[in-house]
Amino acid sequence: MATNDKYDRQIRIWGADGQRRLNTSIVLCLGISAAGTETLKNLALPGIGFIRIVSEAKVEERDFHRNFFLQPDSLGKNLAEEVLDNLLEMNPDVKGDFRAKSVENYLEEDQEELRKASLIIVDCQTFVGRYFQGF
C-alpha cells in the first residue's frame, strides 16, 4: 500500500480506512471511450487498487482527437491495452489488466470476474441491461 504522504489530502477527507478501501477496490470497465478513460484516470490518481478494461476495439485515427491517452504508435492496437498502459504509468500503486474480447462474450463467459468487481463502469454499451438483471 502507498505511503500516507502520497495520499495525505485524500486521507484527510475520507480517513485512513477510506483510503485502504480505495486501495483494495477492483474496477471493471466494460468498453472504453474518452469518457471512460477520464473516469479511470480520476480513480487511478487517488490510488484505486485494480483496473480491468474489457474491449476488443482497435485504435482508429478518430480516437486520437478524442483520447489524449493514445500515442501515434497506438494505431491498430487494442484500445483497452493502450489506455491501460498509460493509466498505470500515472500511479505505480495501481495494478490492472485488460481483456481483448467483446463485452458480450465477457459477460457470458466471465461471471466470476464480474462478481469480484467493487465498481462496474459500462462505457459506450447499450445492450448490457439484460445481463445485470438480478445481479
N, C-alpha and C. Protein backbone atom coordinates (compact mmCIF):
# COMPACT_ATOMS: atom_id res chain seq x y z
N MET A 1 0.84 -1.18 0.00
CA MET A 1 0.00 0.00 0.00
C MET A 1 0.88 1.24 0.00
N ALA A 2 0.35 2.31 -0.51
CA ALA A 2 1.13 3.55 -0.65
C ALA A 2 1.35 4.22 0.70
N THR A 3 2.30 5.12 0.72
CA THR A 3 2.58 5.84 1.95
C THR A 3 1.50 6.88 2.21
N ASN A 4 1.37 7.27 3.46
CA ASN A 4 0.38 8.28 3.82
C ASN A 4 0.69 9.63 3.19
N ASP A 5 1.99 9.95 3.00
CA ASP A 5 2.37 11.23 2.42
C ASP A 5 1.78 11.41 1.02
N LYS A 6 1.85 10.38 0.23
CA LYS A 6 1.38 10.46 -1.16
C LYS A 6 -0.11 10.74 -1.22
N TYR A 7 -0.87 10.17 -0.32
CA TYR A 7 -2.32 10.30 -0.34
C TYR A 7 -2.85 11.14 0.82
N ASP A 8 -2.02 12.01 1.33
CA ASP A 8 -2.37 12.80 2.51
C ASP A 8 -3.67 13.57 2.35
N ARG A 9 -3.88 14.22 1.23
CA ARG A 9 -5.12 15.00 1.04
C ARG A 9 -6.36 14.12 1.08
N GLN A 10 -6.27 12.96 0.44
CA GLN A 10 -7.42 12.07 0.46
C GLN A 10 -7.69 11.51 1.86
N ILE A 11 -6.62 11.17 2.56
CA ILE A 11 -6.79 10.62 3.91
C ILE A 11 -7.45 11.66 4.81
N ARG A 12 -7.14 12.92 4.60
CA ARG A 12 -7.80 13.98 5.38
C ARG A 12 -9.30 14.04 5.10
N ILE A 13 -9.68 13.71 3.89
CA ILE A 13 -11.10 13.77 3.52
C ILE A 13 -11.85 12.53 3.99
N TRP A 14 -11.37 11.35 3.62
CA TRP A 14 -12.14 10.14 3.94
C TRP A 14 -11.46 9.20 4.92
N GLY A 15 -10.35 9.62 5.49
CA GLY A 15 -9.70 8.85 6.54
C GLY A 15 -8.86 7.69 5.99
N ALA A 16 -8.07 7.11 6.88
CA ALA A 16 -7.19 6.00 6.50
C ALA A 16 -7.98 4.78 6.04
N ASP A 17 -9.12 4.51 6.69
CA ASP A 17 -9.93 3.37 6.29
C ASP A 17 -10.50 3.58 4.89
N GLY A 18 -10.92 4.79 4.59
CA GLY A 18 -11.41 5.08 3.26
C GLY A 18 -10.35 4.89 2.20
N GLN A 19 -9.13 5.32 2.50
CA GLN A 19 -8.03 5.14 1.55
C GLN A 19 -7.69 3.67 1.39
N ARG A 20 -7.72 2.92 2.48
CA ARG A 20 -7.47 1.48 2.40
C ARG A 20 -8.52 0.81 1.51
N ARG A 21 -9.76 1.20 1.66
CA ARG A 21 -10.81 0.63 0.82
C ARG A 21 -10.60 0.95 -0.65
N LEU A 22 -10.20 2.18 -0.92
CA LEU A 22 -9.91 2.58 -2.30
C LEU A 22 -8.75 1.75 -2.85
N ASN A 23 -7.69 1.60 -2.06
CA ASN A 23 -6.50 0.86 -2.49
C ASN A 23 -6.78 -0.63 -2.73
N THR A 24 -7.85 -1.15 -2.19
CA THR A 24 -8.17 -2.57 -2.36
C THR A 24 -9.37 -2.81 -3.27
N SER A 25 -9.88 -1.75 -3.89
CA SER A 25 -11.05 -1.86 -4.78
C SER A 25 -10.65 -2.34 -6.17
N ILE A 26 -11.59 -3.04 -6.80
CA ILE A 26 -11.41 -3.55 -8.16
C ILE A 26 -12.44 -2.86 -9.04
N VAL A 27 -11.97 -2.18 -10.08
CA VAL A 27 -12.85 -1.50 -11.04
C VAL A 27 -12.83 -2.27 -12.35
N LEU A 28 -14.01 -2.54 -12.86
CA LEU A 28 -14.17 -3.22 -14.14
C LEU A 28 -14.83 -2.23 -15.09
N CYS A 29 -14.19 -1.97 -16.22
CA CYS A 29 -14.73 -1.05 -17.21
C CYS A 29 -15.09 -1.85 -18.45
N LEU A 30 -16.38 -1.90 -18.78
CA LEU A 30 -16.87 -2.64 -19.94
C LEU A 30 -16.96 -1.69 -21.12
N GLY A 31 -16.08 -1.85 -22.08
CA GLY A 31 -15.95 -0.90 -23.17
C GLY A 31 -15.07 0.25 -22.71
N ILE A 32 -14.56 1.02 -23.66
CA ILE A 32 -13.72 2.15 -23.27
C ILE A 32 -13.84 3.26 -24.32
N SER A 33 -14.04 4.46 -23.84
CA SER A 33 -14.10 5.66 -24.68
C SER A 33 -13.30 6.74 -23.98
N ALA A 34 -13.29 7.93 -24.53
CA ALA A 34 -12.59 9.04 -23.88
C ALA A 34 -13.21 9.33 -22.52
N ALA A 35 -14.53 9.24 -22.41
CA ALA A 35 -15.20 9.48 -21.12
C ALA A 35 -14.80 8.41 -20.09
N GLY A 36 -14.76 7.16 -20.51
CA GLY A 36 -14.33 6.10 -19.62
C GLY A 36 -12.88 6.24 -19.21
N THR A 37 -12.04 6.67 -20.14
CA THR A 37 -10.64 6.90 -19.84
C THR A 37 -10.48 7.98 -18.78
N GLU A 38 -11.23 9.06 -18.93
CA GLU A 38 -11.17 10.15 -17.96
C GLU A 38 -11.66 9.68 -16.59
N THR A 39 -12.70 8.88 -16.56
CA THR A 39 -13.20 8.33 -15.30
C THR A 39 -12.15 7.45 -14.64
N LEU A 40 -11.52 6.57 -15.41
CA LEU A 40 -10.50 5.70 -14.85
C LEU A 40 -9.28 6.49 -14.39
N LYS A 41 -8.93 7.56 -15.10
CA LYS A 41 -7.82 8.41 -14.67
C LYS A 41 -8.12 9.00 -13.29
N ASN A 42 -9.37 9.42 -13.10
CA ASN A 42 -9.76 10.02 -11.83
C ASN A 42 -9.86 9.00 -10.70
N LEU A 43 -9.85 7.74 -11.01
CA LEU A 43 -9.78 6.69 -10.00
C LEU A 43 -8.33 6.24 -9.78
N ALA A 44 -7.53 6.26 -10.84
CA ALA A 44 -6.13 5.84 -10.72
C ALA A 44 -5.31 6.84 -9.92
N LEU A 45 -5.52 8.10 -10.13
CA LEU A 45 -4.69 9.10 -9.44
C LEU A 45 -4.79 8.99 -7.91
N PRO A 46 -5.98 8.83 -7.33
CA PRO A 46 -6.03 8.69 -5.87
C PRO A 46 -5.69 7.29 -5.37
N GLY A 47 -5.43 6.33 -6.28
CA GLY A 47 -4.91 5.05 -5.83
C GLY A 47 -5.87 3.89 -5.80
N ILE A 48 -6.80 3.81 -6.76
CA ILE A 48 -7.67 2.63 -6.83
C ILE A 48 -6.78 1.39 -6.92
N GLY A 49 -7.21 0.29 -6.39
CA GLY A 49 -6.36 -0.89 -6.32
C GLY A 49 -6.09 -1.57 -7.64
N PHE A 50 -7.15 -1.81 -8.42
CA PHE A 50 -7.00 -2.62 -9.63
C PHE A 50 -8.02 -2.16 -10.67
N ILE A 51 -7.56 -2.06 -11.92
CA ILE A 51 -8.42 -1.68 -13.04
C ILE A 51 -8.38 -2.79 -14.08
N ARG A 52 -9.55 -3.22 -14.53
CA ARG A 52 -9.65 -4.16 -15.65
C ARG A 52 -10.52 -3.49 -16.72
N ILE A 53 -10.02 -3.47 -17.96
CA ILE A 53 -10.77 -2.90 -19.08
C ILE A 53 -11.07 -4.02 -20.07
N VAL A 54 -12.33 -4.09 -20.51
CA VAL A 54 -12.75 -5.10 -21.47
C VAL A 54 -13.15 -4.40 -22.77
N SER A 55 -12.44 -4.70 -23.85
CA SER A 55 -12.79 -4.14 -25.16
C SER A 55 -12.00 -4.85 -26.23
N GLU A 56 -12.66 -5.15 -27.33
CA GLU A 56 -11.95 -5.71 -28.47
C GLU A 56 -11.66 -4.63 -29.51
N ALA A 57 -12.04 -3.40 -29.23
CA ALA A 57 -11.85 -2.30 -30.19
C ALA A 57 -10.38 -2.04 -30.45
N LYS A 58 -10.09 -1.67 -31.66
CA LYS A 58 -8.74 -1.28 -32.07
C LYS A 58 -8.69 0.25 -32.16
N VAL A 59 -7.54 0.81 -31.91
CA VAL A 59 -7.35 2.25 -32.00
C VAL A 59 -7.47 2.67 -33.47
N GLU A 60 -8.34 3.67 -33.71
CA GLU A 60 -8.53 4.21 -35.05
C GLU A 60 -8.06 5.66 -35.08
N GLU A 61 -7.90 6.21 -36.26
CA GLU A 61 -7.47 7.61 -36.42
C GLU A 61 -8.34 8.56 -35.61
N ARG A 62 -9.66 8.36 -35.66
CA ARG A 62 -10.58 9.28 -34.98
C ARG A 62 -10.37 9.29 -33.46
N ASP A 63 -9.82 8.22 -32.91
CA ASP A 63 -9.61 8.15 -31.47
C ASP A 63 -8.58 9.16 -30.98
N PHE A 64 -7.65 9.55 -31.83
CA PHE A 64 -6.61 10.49 -31.42
C PHE A 64 -7.18 11.87 -31.10
N HIS A 65 -8.31 12.22 -31.71
CA HIS A 65 -8.94 13.52 -31.46
C HIS A 65 -9.80 13.49 -30.19
N ARG A 66 -10.05 12.31 -29.68
CA ARG A 66 -10.94 12.15 -28.52
C ARG A 66 -10.23 11.74 -27.24
N ASN A 67 -9.10 11.09 -27.37
CA ASN A 67 -8.49 10.45 -26.21
C ASN A 67 -7.01 10.81 -26.12
N PHE A 68 -6.66 11.64 -25.16
CA PHE A 68 -5.28 12.10 -25.03
C PHE A 68 -4.34 11.03 -24.47
N PHE A 69 -4.85 9.86 -24.13
CA PHE A 69 -4.02 8.78 -23.60
C PHE A 69 -3.39 7.94 -24.71
N LEU A 70 -3.71 8.25 -25.94
CA LEU A 70 -3.21 7.45 -27.06
C LEU A 70 -2.03 8.14 -27.73
N GLN A 71 -1.09 7.34 -28.18
CA GLN A 71 0.10 7.82 -28.88
C GLN A 71 -0.02 7.44 -30.36
N PRO A 72 0.69 8.14 -31.25
CA PRO A 72 0.62 7.80 -32.67
C PRO A 72 0.90 6.33 -32.98
N ASP A 73 1.79 5.70 -32.21
CA ASP A 73 2.09 4.29 -32.47
C ASP A 73 1.01 3.35 -31.93
N SER A 74 -0.05 3.90 -31.35
CA SER A 74 -1.16 3.08 -30.85
C SER A 74 -2.09 2.61 -31.97
N LEU A 75 -2.01 3.25 -33.12
CA LEU A 75 -2.91 2.96 -34.22
C LEU A 75 -2.94 1.46 -34.54
N GLY A 76 -4.15 0.89 -34.56
CA GLY A 76 -4.34 -0.51 -34.88
C GLY A 76 -4.18 -1.47 -33.71
N LYS A 77 -3.70 -0.98 -32.58
CA LYS A 77 -3.54 -1.83 -31.40
C LYS A 77 -4.84 -1.86 -30.59
N ASN A 78 -4.91 -2.77 -29.64
CA ASN A 78 -6.11 -2.87 -28.80
C ASN A 78 -6.26 -1.61 -27.96
N LEU A 79 -7.42 -0.99 -28.03
CA LEU A 79 -7.69 0.26 -27.34
C LEU A 79 -7.58 0.11 -25.83
N ALA A 80 -8.13 -0.96 -25.29
CA ALA A 80 -8.07 -1.19 -23.84
C ALA A 80 -6.64 -1.30 -23.35
N GLU A 81 -5.81 -2.02 -24.08
CA GLU A 81 -4.42 -2.19 -23.68
C GLU A 81 -3.67 -0.86 -23.71
N GLU A 82 -3.88 -0.08 -24.76
CA GLU A 82 -3.18 1.20 -24.89
C GLU A 82 -3.59 2.18 -23.79
N VAL A 83 -4.88 2.26 -23.51
CA VAL A 83 -5.36 3.14 -22.45
C VAL A 83 -4.82 2.68 -21.10
N LEU A 84 -4.91 1.39 -20.84
CA LEU A 84 -4.46 0.85 -19.56
C LEU A 84 -2.98 1.12 -19.33
N ASP A 85 -2.16 0.90 -20.34
CA ASP A 85 -0.72 1.14 -20.17
C ASP A 85 -0.45 2.56 -19.71
N ASN A 86 -1.13 3.51 -20.30
CA ASN A 86 -0.93 4.92 -19.93
C ASN A 86 -1.53 5.24 -18.57
N LEU A 87 -2.64 4.62 -18.22
CA LEU A 87 -3.23 4.84 -16.90
C LEU A 87 -2.29 4.34 -15.80
N LEU A 88 -1.71 3.17 -16.00
CA LEU A 88 -0.85 2.58 -14.98
C LEU A 88 0.45 3.37 -14.79
N GLU A 89 0.88 4.08 -15.81
CA GLU A 89 2.06 4.92 -15.68
C GLU A 89 1.82 6.10 -14.73
N MET A 90 0.56 6.50 -14.59
CA MET A 90 0.23 7.66 -13.76
C MET A 90 0.40 7.39 -12.27
N ASN A 91 0.21 6.14 -11.86
CA ASN A 91 0.30 5.80 -10.45
C ASN A 91 0.83 4.37 -10.32
N PRO A 92 2.06 4.19 -9.91
CA PRO A 92 2.64 2.85 -9.81
C PRO A 92 1.98 1.96 -8.75
N ASP A 93 1.16 2.54 -7.87
CA ASP A 93 0.45 1.73 -6.88
C ASP A 93 -0.73 0.99 -7.50
N VAL A 94 -1.22 1.45 -8.63
CA VAL A 94 -2.39 0.86 -9.28
C VAL A 94 -1.95 -0.30 -10.17
N LYS A 95 -2.68 -1.38 -10.10
CA LYS A 95 -2.44 -2.56 -10.95
C LYS A 95 -3.61 -2.68 -11.91
N GLY A 96 -3.43 -3.49 -12.94
CA GLY A 96 -4.54 -3.65 -13.87
C GLY A 96 -4.23 -4.63 -14.97
N ASP A 97 -5.28 -4.96 -15.71
CA ASP A 97 -5.15 -5.78 -16.91
C ASP A 97 -6.31 -5.48 -17.84
N PHE A 98 -6.30 -6.11 -18.98
CA PHE A 98 -7.37 -5.90 -19.96
C PHE A 98 -7.77 -7.24 -20.54
N ARG A 99 -8.95 -7.26 -21.10
CA ARG A 99 -9.44 -8.44 -21.80
C ARG A 99 -9.79 -7.98 -23.22
N ALA A 100 -9.06 -8.50 -24.20
CA ALA A 100 -9.29 -8.15 -25.60
C ALA A 100 -10.37 -9.05 -26.17
N LYS A 101 -11.59 -8.80 -25.74
CA LYS A 101 -12.72 -9.58 -26.21
C LYS A 101 -13.95 -8.70 -26.20
N SER A 102 -14.98 -9.14 -26.87
CA SER A 102 -16.21 -8.35 -26.89
C SER A 102 -16.83 -8.34 -25.49
N VAL A 103 -17.51 -7.27 -25.19
CA VAL A 103 -18.17 -7.17 -23.89
C VAL A 103 -19.23 -8.26 -23.77
N GLU A 104 -19.92 -8.54 -24.86
CA GLU A 104 -20.95 -9.59 -24.84
C GLU A 104 -20.35 -10.92 -24.41
N ASN A 105 -19.22 -11.31 -25.02
CA ASN A 105 -18.58 -12.57 -24.66
C ASN A 105 -18.08 -12.55 -23.23
N TYR A 106 -17.52 -11.44 -22.82
CA TYR A 106 -17.03 -11.33 -21.45
C TYR A 106 -18.16 -11.53 -20.46
N LEU A 107 -19.29 -10.89 -20.71
CA LEU A 107 -20.42 -11.01 -19.78
C LEU A 107 -20.97 -12.42 -19.71
N GLU A 108 -20.89 -13.13 -20.81
CA GLU A 108 -21.39 -14.50 -20.83
C GLU A 108 -20.39 -15.50 -20.23
N GLU A 109 -19.11 -15.22 -20.38
CA GLU A 109 -18.09 -16.20 -20.02
C GLU A 109 -17.39 -15.93 -18.69
N ASP A 110 -17.42 -14.71 -18.20
CA ASP A 110 -16.59 -14.35 -17.05
C ASP A 110 -17.42 -13.81 -15.88
N GLN A 111 -18.47 -14.51 -15.53
CA GLN A 111 -19.35 -14.08 -14.44
C GLN A 111 -18.62 -13.95 -13.11
N GLU A 112 -17.66 -14.81 -12.85
CA GLU A 112 -16.93 -14.75 -11.58
C GLU A 112 -16.15 -13.45 -11.45
N GLU A 113 -15.54 -13.00 -12.54
CA GLU A 113 -14.82 -11.73 -12.50
C GLU A 113 -15.78 -10.57 -12.24
N LEU A 114 -16.97 -10.64 -12.79
CA LEU A 114 -17.98 -9.61 -12.55
C LEU A 114 -18.31 -9.51 -11.06
N ARG A 115 -18.45 -10.64 -10.43
CA ARG A 115 -18.82 -10.67 -9.01
C ARG A 115 -17.72 -10.11 -8.10
N LYS A 116 -16.48 -10.17 -8.53
CA LYS A 116 -15.36 -9.68 -7.73
C LYS A 116 -15.21 -8.16 -7.80
N ALA A 117 -15.82 -7.54 -8.80
CA ALA A 117 -15.65 -6.09 -9.01
C ALA A 117 -16.32 -5.29 -7.90
N SER A 118 -15.63 -4.27 -7.43
CA SER A 118 -16.20 -3.32 -6.47
C SER A 118 -17.05 -2.30 -7.19
N LEU A 119 -16.67 -1.98 -8.43
CA LEU A 119 -17.36 -0.99 -9.25
C LEU A 119 -17.32 -1.46 -10.69
N ILE A 120 -18.46 -1.42 -11.37
CA ILE A 120 -18.52 -1.75 -12.79
C ILE A 120 -18.93 -0.50 -13.54
N ILE A 121 -18.11 -0.10 -14.49
CA ILE A 121 -18.39 1.05 -15.34
C ILE A 121 -18.78 0.52 -16.71
N VAL A 122 -19.94 0.89 -17.18
CA VAL A 122 -20.39 0.47 -18.50
C VAL A 122 -20.21 1.67 -19.42
N ASP A 123 -19.27 1.56 -20.34
CA ASP A 123 -18.87 2.68 -21.18
C ASP A 123 -19.20 2.37 -22.64
N CYS A 124 -20.08 3.15 -23.22
CA CYS A 124 -20.44 3.03 -24.64
C CYS A 124 -21.16 1.72 -24.97
N GLN A 125 -21.95 1.23 -24.08
CA GLN A 125 -22.67 0.00 -24.34
C GLN A 125 -24.16 0.22 -24.10
N THR A 126 -24.99 -0.25 -25.01
CA THR A 126 -26.44 -0.07 -24.86
C THR A 126 -27.18 -1.37 -24.60
N PHE A 127 -26.49 -2.48 -24.66
CA PHE A 127 -27.15 -3.78 -24.61
C PHE A 127 -27.01 -4.50 -23.28
N VAL A 128 -26.28 -3.97 -22.34
CA VAL A 128 -25.90 -4.76 -21.17
C VAL A 128 -26.98 -4.87 -20.10
N GLY A 129 -28.05 -4.11 -20.18
CA GLY A 129 -29.08 -4.15 -19.16
C GLY A 129 -29.58 -5.55 -18.87
N ARG A 130 -29.74 -6.34 -19.90
CA ARG A 130 -30.25 -7.71 -19.71
C ARG A 130 -29.29 -8.58 -18.90
N TYR A 131 -28.00 -8.27 -18.94
CA TYR A 131 -27.02 -9.07 -18.21
C TYR A 131 -27.02 -8.77 -16.71
N PHE A 132 -27.48 -7.61 -16.34
CA PHE A 132 -27.39 -7.21 -14.95
C PHE A 132 -28.71 -7.34 -14.20
N GLN A 133 -29.73 -7.88 -14.81
CA GLN A 133 -30.98 -8.09 -14.12
C GLN A 133 -30.77 -9.13 -13.03
N GLY A 134 -31.08 -8.76 -11.82
CA GLY A 134 -30.94 -9.67 -10.70
C GLY A 134 -29.52 -9.91 -10.25
N PHE A 135 -28.58 -9.11 -10.73
CA PHE A 135 -27.17 -9.29 -10.38
C PHE A 135 -26.92 -8.91 -8.96
